[in-house]
Amino acid sequence: MKKKAIPLIITLVACLITCIVSIIQRVEFSVFFIRFLVVLAIFGVISIIIAVVINKNFPDEEEDDNKKDDKDEEKSSDKDNSSNENVNSNENDNSDEDDEFEDEEDY
């Protein structure tokens, strides 16, 4: 579900209900407009708070998948680096052995 639309939907529903009630009560335009602005402001703030709480308690699955992929990539790059270091150290060890053989041939 798209969580970004939650504040918008809550605010619009509250404003729609306010409009319907004001029309049924046949209030003047100035009273209608003041009610509308008050409801818009109050429910706008409330809906943003609700959206923040929902986002903290129910994180997006896509974000979780991206975090897992990033961690897997870091682990694989660490393994690649350590294997490259092992290969380099083995090459250095082999070169030392070659030097030893050369020294023994001279005797």
C-alpha atoms as a PDB file:
ATOM      1  CA  MET A   1       0.000   0.000   0.000  1.00  0.00           C
ATOM      2  CA  LYS A   2       1.205   3.484  -0.756  1.00  0.00           C
ATOM      3  CA  LYS A   3       1.826   5.121   2.590  1.00  0.00           C
ATOM      4  CA  LYS A   4       2.480   8.565   1.148  1.00  0.00           C
ATOM      5  CA  ALA A   5      -1.209   8.988   0.299  1.00  0.00           C
ATOM      6  CA  ILE A   6      -2.440   8.398   3.855  1.00  0.00           C
ATOM      7  CA  PRO A   7      -2.240  12.062   5.032  1.00  0.00           C
ATOM      8  CA  LEU A   8      -3.931  13.261   1.877  1.00  0.00           C
ATOM      9  CA  ILE A   9      -6.785  10.770   2.118  1.00  0.00           C
ATOM     10  CA  ILE A  10      -7.455  11.471   5.810  1.00  0.00           C
ATOM     11  CA  THR A  11      -7.503  15.228   5.262  1.00  0.00           C
ATOM     12  CA  LEU A  12      -9.728  15.062   2.196  1.00  0.00           C
ATOM     13  CA  VAL A  13     -12.265  12.778   3.898  1.00  0.00           C
ATOM     14  CA  ALA A  14     -12.436  15.112   6.910  1.00  0.00           C
ATOM     15  CA  CYS A  15     -12.951  18.134   4.641  1.00  0.00           C
ATOM     16  CA  LEU A  16     -15.628  16.308   2.651  1.00  0.00           C
ATOM     17  CA  ILE A  17     -17.544  15.481   5.819  1.00  0.00           C
ATOM     18  CA  THR A  18     -17.239  19.112   6.953  1.00  0.00           C
ATOM     19  CA  CYS A  19     -18.591  20.349   3.621  1.00  0.00           C
ATOM     20  CA  ILE A  20     -21.549  17.962   3.721  1.00  0.00           C
ATOM     21  CA  VAL A  21     -22.434  18.890   7.307  1.00  0.00           C
ATOM     22  CA  SER A  22     -22.140  22.612   6.553  1.00  0.00           C
ATOM     23  CA  ILE A  23     -24.375  22.294   3.487  1.00  0.00           C
ATOM     24  CA  ILE A  24     -26.996  20.332   5.438  1.00  0.00           C
ATOM     25  CA  GLN A  25     -26.952  22.987   8.192  1.00  0.00           C
ATOM     26  CA  ARG A  26     -27.204  25.761   5.569  1.00  0.00           C
ATOM     27  CA  VAL A  27     -24.517  27.910   7.164  1.00  0.00           C
ATOM     28  CA  GLU A  28     -23.232  31.158   5.718  1.00  0.00           C
ATOM     29  CA  PHE A  29     -20.203  31.110   3.480  1.00  0.00           C
ATOM     30  CA  SER A  30     -17.912  32.797   6.020  1.00  0.00           C
ATOM     31  CA  VAL A  31     -18.767  30.184   8.693  1.00  0.00           C
ATOM     32  CA  PHE A  32     -18.400  27.401   6.117  1.00  0.00           C
ATOM     33  CA  PHE A  33     -14.988  28.693   5.045  1.00  0.00           C
ATOM     34  CA  ILE A  34     -13.712  29.030   8.635  1.00  0.00           C
ATOM     35  CA  ARG A  35     -14.889  25.497   9.479  1.00  0.00           C
ATOM     36  CA  PHE A  36     -13.224  24.197   6.348  1.00  0.00           C
ATOM     37  CA  LEU A  37      -9.874  25.844   7.119  1.00  0.00           C
ATOM     38  CA  VAL A  38      -9.899  24.689  10.745  1.00  0.00           C
ATOM     39  CA  VAL A  39     -10.680  21.108   9.775  1.00  0.00           C
ATOM     40  CA  LEU A  40      -8.077  21.223   7.021  1.00  0.00           C
ATOM     41  CA  ALA A  41      -5.356  22.395   9.421  1.00  0.00           C
ATOM     42  CA  ILE A  42      -6.220  20.082  12.314  1.00  0.00           C
ATOM     43  CA  PHE A  43      -6.672  16.930  10.267  1.00  0.00           C
ATOM     44  CA  GLY A  44      -3.643  17.771   8.147  1.00  0.00           C
ATOM     45  CA  VAL A  45      -1.419  17.751  11.244  1.00  0.00           C
ATOM     46  CA  ILE A  46      -3.113  14.652  12.691  1.00  0.00           C
ATOM     47  CA  SER A  47      -2.750  12.731   9.441  1.00  0.00           C
ATOM     48  CA  ILE A  48       0.954  13.585   9.159  1.00  0.00           C
ATOM     49  CA  ILE A  49       1.501  12.295  12.711  1.00  0.00           C
ATOM     50  CA  ILE A  50      -0.385   9.104  11.846  1.00  0.00           C
ATOM     51  CA  ALA A  51       1.716   8.639   8.701  1.00  0.00           C
ATOM     52  CA  VAL A  52       4.965   9.032  10.667  1.00  0.00           C
ATOM     53  CA  VAL A  53       3.828   6.459  13.246  1.00  0.00           C
ATOM     54  CA  ILE A  54       2.800   4.015  10.521  1.00  0.00           C
ATOM     55  CA  ASN A  55       6.087   4.441   8.629  1.00  0.00           C
ATOM     56  CA  LYS A  56       8.130   3.799  11.781  1.00  0.00           C
ATOM     57  CA  ASN A  57       6.146   0.726  12.808  1.00  0.00           C
ATOM     58  CA  PHE A  58       5.670  -0.766   9.353  1.00  0.00           C
ATOM     59  CA  PRO A  59       8.716  -0.020   7.154  1.00  0.00           C
ATOM     60  CA  ASP A  60       8.416  -0.555   3.424  1.00  0.00           C
ATOM     61  CA  GLU A  61       9.356  -4.012   2.161  1.00  0.00           C
ATOM     62  CA  GLU A  62      11.264  -2.449  -0.718  1.00  0.00           C
ATOM     63  CA  GLU A  63      13.502  -0.546   1.703  1.00  0.00           C
ATOM     64  CA  ASP A  64      14.158  -3.741   3.664  1.00  0.00           C
ATOM     65  CA  ASP A  65      15.079  -5.574   0.467  1.00  0.00           C
ATOM     66  CA  ASN A  66      17.436  -2.764  -0.564  1.00  0.00           C
ATOM     67  CA  LYS A  67      19.134  -2.814   2.847  1.00  0.00           C
ATOM     68  CA  LYS A  68      19.591  -6.593   2.624  1.00  0.00           C
ATOM     69  CA  ASP A  69      21.034  -6.297  -0.884  1.00  0.00           C
ATOM     70  CA  ASP A  70      23.478  -3.614   0.281  1.00  0.00           C
ATOM     71  CA  LYS A  71      24.632  -5.783   3.187  1.00  0.00           C
ATOM     72  CA  ASP A  72      25.082  -8.787   0.872  1.00  0.00           C
ATOM     73  CA  GLU A  73      27.134  -6.691  -1.547  1.00  0.00           C
ATOM     74  CA  GLU A  74      29.343  -5.455   1.293  1.00  0.00           C
ATOM     75  CA  LYS A  75      29.932  -9.006   2.509  1.00  0.00           C
ATOM     76  CA  SER A  76      30.774 -10.252  -0.963  1.00  0.00           C
ATOM     77  CA  SER A  77      33.148  -7.338  -1.586  1.00  0.00           C
ATOM     78  CA  ASP A  78      34.840  -8.036   1.770  1.00  0.00           C
ATOM     79  CA  LYS A  79      35.254 -11.691   0.778  1.00  0.00           C
ATOM     80  CA  ASP A  80      36.677 -10.669  -2.598  1.00  0.00           C
ATOM     81  CA  ASN A  81      39.153  -8.337  -0.927  1.00  0.00           C
ATOM     82  CA  SER A  82      40.281 -11.000   1.536  1.00  0.00           C
ATOM     83  CA  SER A  83      40.662 -13.589  -1.237  1.00  0.00           C
ATOM     84  CA  ASN A  84      42.721 -11.114  -3.275  1.00  0.00           C
ATOM     85  CA  GLU A  85      44.952 -10.522  -0.277  1.00  0.00           C
ATOM     86  CA  ASN A  86      45.423 -14.279   0.109  1.00  0.00           C
ATOM     87  CA  VAL A  87      46.371 -14.627  -3.543  1.00  0.00           C
ATOM     88  CA  ASN A  88      48.860 -11.765  -3.247  1.00  0.00           C
ATOM     89  CA  SER A  89      50.403 -13.233  -0.101  1.00  0.00           C
ATOM     90  CA  ASN A  90      50.672 -16.642  -1.798  1.00  0.00           C
ATOM     91  CA  GLU A  91      52.456 -15.051  -4.753  1.00  0.00           C
ATOM     92  CA  ASN A  92      54.894 -13.373  -2.379  1.00  0.00           C
ATOM     93  CA  ASP A  93      55.492 -16.690  -0.598  1.00  0.00           C
ATOM     94  CA  ASN A  94      56.211 -18.410  -3.915  1.00  0.00           C
ATOM     95  CA  SER A  95      58.710 -15.765  -4.928  1.00  0.00           C
ATOM     96  CA  ASP A  96      60.567 -16.291  -1.636  1.00  0.00           C
ATOM     97  CA  GLU A  97      60.717 -20.025  -2.325  1.00  0.00           C
ATOM     98  CA  ASP A  98      62.132 -19.387  -5.782  1.00  0.00           C
ATOM     99  CA  ASP A  99      64.875 -17.266  -4.247  1.00  0.00           C
ATOM    100  CA  GLU A 100      65.731 -20.093  -1.871  1.00  0.00           C
ATOM    101  CA  PHE A 101      66.053 -22.569  -4.739  1.00  0.00           C
ATOM    102  CA  GLU A 102      68.308 -20.207  -6.628  1.00  0.00           C
ATOM    103  CA  ASP A 103      70.537 -19.872  -3.585  1.00  0.00           C
ATOM    104  CA  GLU A 104      70.779 -23.672  -3.194  1.00  0.00           C
ATOM    105  CA  GLU A 105      71.805 -24.142  -6.823  1.00  0.00           C
ATOM    106  CA  ASP A 106      74.768 -21.850  -6.333  1.00  0.00           C
ATOM    107  CA  TYR A 107      76.271 -24.178  -3.714  1.00  0.00           C
END
